C-alpha atoms as a PDB file:
ATOM      1  CA  UNK A   1       5.431  -9.577  10.712  1.00  0.00           C
ATOM      2  CA  UNK A   2       3.705  -6.228  11.158  1.00  0.00           C
ATOM      3  CA  UNK A   3       4.322  -4.247  14.317  1.00  0.00           C
ATOM      4  CA  UNK A   4       0.878  -2.669  14.527  1.00  0.00           C
ATOM      5  CA  UNK A   5       0.981   0.536  16.522  1.00  0.00           C
ATOM      6  CA  UNK A   6      -2.021   2.806  16.283  1.00  0.00           C
ATOM      7  CA  UNK A   7      -0.304   5.703  18.022  1.00  0.00           C
ATOM      8  CA  UNK A   8      -0.081   7.384  14.617  1.00  0.00           C
ATOM      9  CA  UNK A   9      -3.769   8.331  15.048  1.00  0.00           C
ATOM     10  CA  UNK A  10      -4.574  12.034  14.777  1.00  0.00           C
ATOM     11  CA  UNK A  11      -6.015  12.247  18.306  1.00  0.00           C
ATOM     12  CA  UNK A  12      -3.262  10.315  20.040  1.00  0.00           C
ATOM     13  CA  UNK A  13      -2.091  12.532  22.900  1.00  0.00           C
ATOM     14  CA  UNK A  14       1.651  11.872  22.514  1.00  0.00           C
ATOM     15  CA  UNK A  15       1.945  11.691  18.730  1.00  0.00           C
ATOM     16  CA  UNK A  16       2.444  14.249  16.005  1.00  0.00           C
ATOM     17  CA  UNK A  17       1.136  11.969  13.231  1.00  0.00           C
ATOM     18  CA  UNK A  18      -2.277  12.716  11.759  1.00  0.00           C
ATOM     19  CA  UNK A  19      -3.747   9.428  10.463  1.00  0.00           C
ATOM     20  CA  UNK A  20      -7.542   9.242  10.547  1.00  0.00           C
ATOM     21  CA  UNK A  21      -9.499   6.091  11.360  1.00  0.00           C
ATOM     22  CA  UNK A  22     -10.178   5.632   7.621  1.00  0.00           C
ATOM     23  CA  UNK A  23      -6.428   5.798   6.924  1.00  0.00           C
ATOM     24  CA  UNK A  24      -6.011   2.629   8.974  1.00  0.00           C
ATOM     25  CA  UNK A  25      -8.344   0.771   6.578  1.00  0.00           C
ATOM     26  CA  UNK A  26      -6.253   1.888   3.611  1.00  0.00           C
ATOM     27  CA  UNK A  27      -3.092   0.876   5.411  1.00  0.00           C
ATOM     28  CA  UNK A  28      -4.487  -2.629   6.033  1.00  0.00           C
ATOM     29  CA  UNK A  29      -5.483  -2.933   2.373  1.00  0.00           C
ATOM     30  CA  UNK A  30      -1.989  -1.886   1.287  1.00  0.00           C
ATOM     31  CA  UNK A  31      -0.463  -4.628   3.411  1.00  0.00           C
ATOM     32  CA  UNK A  32      -2.899  -7.198   1.956  1.00  0.00           C
ATOM     33  CA  UNK A  33      -1.915  -6.260  -1.604  1.00  0.00           C
ATOM     34  CA  UNK A  34       1.577  -7.587  -0.882  1.00  0.00           C
ATOM     35  CA  UNK A  35       0.024 -11.084  -0.799  1.00  0.00           C
ATOM     36  CA  UNK A  36       2.494 -12.329   1.794  1.00  0.00           C
ATOM     37  CA  UNK A  37       1.887 -14.391   4.920  1.00  0.00           C
ATOM     38  CA  UNK A  38       1.240 -11.795   7.595  1.00  0.00           C
ATOM     39  CA  UNK A  39       1.305 -11.716  11.371  1.00  0.00           C
ATOM     40  CA  UNK A  40       0.107  -8.593  13.183  1.00  0.00           C
ATOM     41  CA  UNK A  41       1.670  -7.911  16.586  1.00  0.00           C
ATOM     42  CA  UNK A  42      -0.085  -5.229  18.596  1.00  0.00           C
ATOM     43  CA  UNK A  43       2.070  -2.379  19.823  1.00  0.00           C
ATOM     44  CA  UNK A  44       0.939   0.913  21.331  1.00  0.00           C
ATOM     45  CA  UNK A  45      -1.594   3.635  21.077  1.00  0.00           C
ATOM     46  CA  UNK A  46      -2.677   6.130  23.692  1.00  0.00           C
ATOM     47  CA  UNK A  47      -5.972   7.487  22.348  1.00  0.00           C
ATOM     48  CA  UNK A  48      -7.681   4.791  24.387  1.00  0.00           C
ATOM     49  CA  UNK A  49     -11.222   5.198  23.047  1.00  0.00           C
ATOM     50  CA  UNK A  50     -10.016   4.712  19.452  1.00  0.00           C
ATOM     51  CA  UNK A  51      -7.416   1.936  19.857  1.00  0.00           C
ATOM     52  CA  UNK A  52      -9.983  -0.798  19.188  1.00  0.00           C
ATOM     53  CA  UNK A  53     -11.605   0.996  16.259  1.00  0.00           C
ATOM     54  CA  UNK A  54      -8.302   1.708  14.543  1.00  0.00           C
ATOM     55  CA  UNK A  55      -7.022  -1.822  15.098  1.00  0.00           C
ATOM     56  CA  UNK A  56     -10.243  -3.273  13.665  1.00  0.00           C
ATOM     57  CA  UNK A  57      -9.990  -0.888  10.709  1.00  0.00           C
ATOM     58  CA  UNK A  58      -6.517  -2.207   9.844  1.00  0.00           C
ATOM     59  CA  UNK A  59      -7.780  -5.783   9.980  1.00  0.00           C
ATOM     60  CA  UNK A  60     -10.932  -5.007   7.981  1.00  0.00           C
ATOM     61  CA  UNK A  61      -8.848  -3.240   5.350  1.00  0.00           C
ATOM     62  CA  UNK A  62      -6.564  -6.251   5.253  1.00  0.00           C
ATOM     63  CA  UNK A  63      -9.522  -8.600   4.822  1.00  0.00           C
ATOM     64  CA  UNK A  64     -11.070  -6.434   2.097  1.00  0.00           C
ATOM     65  CA  UNK A  65     -14.166  -5.299   3.989  1.00  0.00           C
END
């Protein structure tokens, strides 16, 4: 089970993390390489315009796109 929070995005207004949208693709691919059954549970993120993009990027990275 992955607690997927995209509040680690560089433009998130309450975060000090600096992940870019492309980092989320790499992070999804890293999870996929574990080759384990996986359930993503959406958590938070406060850069509202980018929440969808970054969530999709994790899933696309996971799916190998």
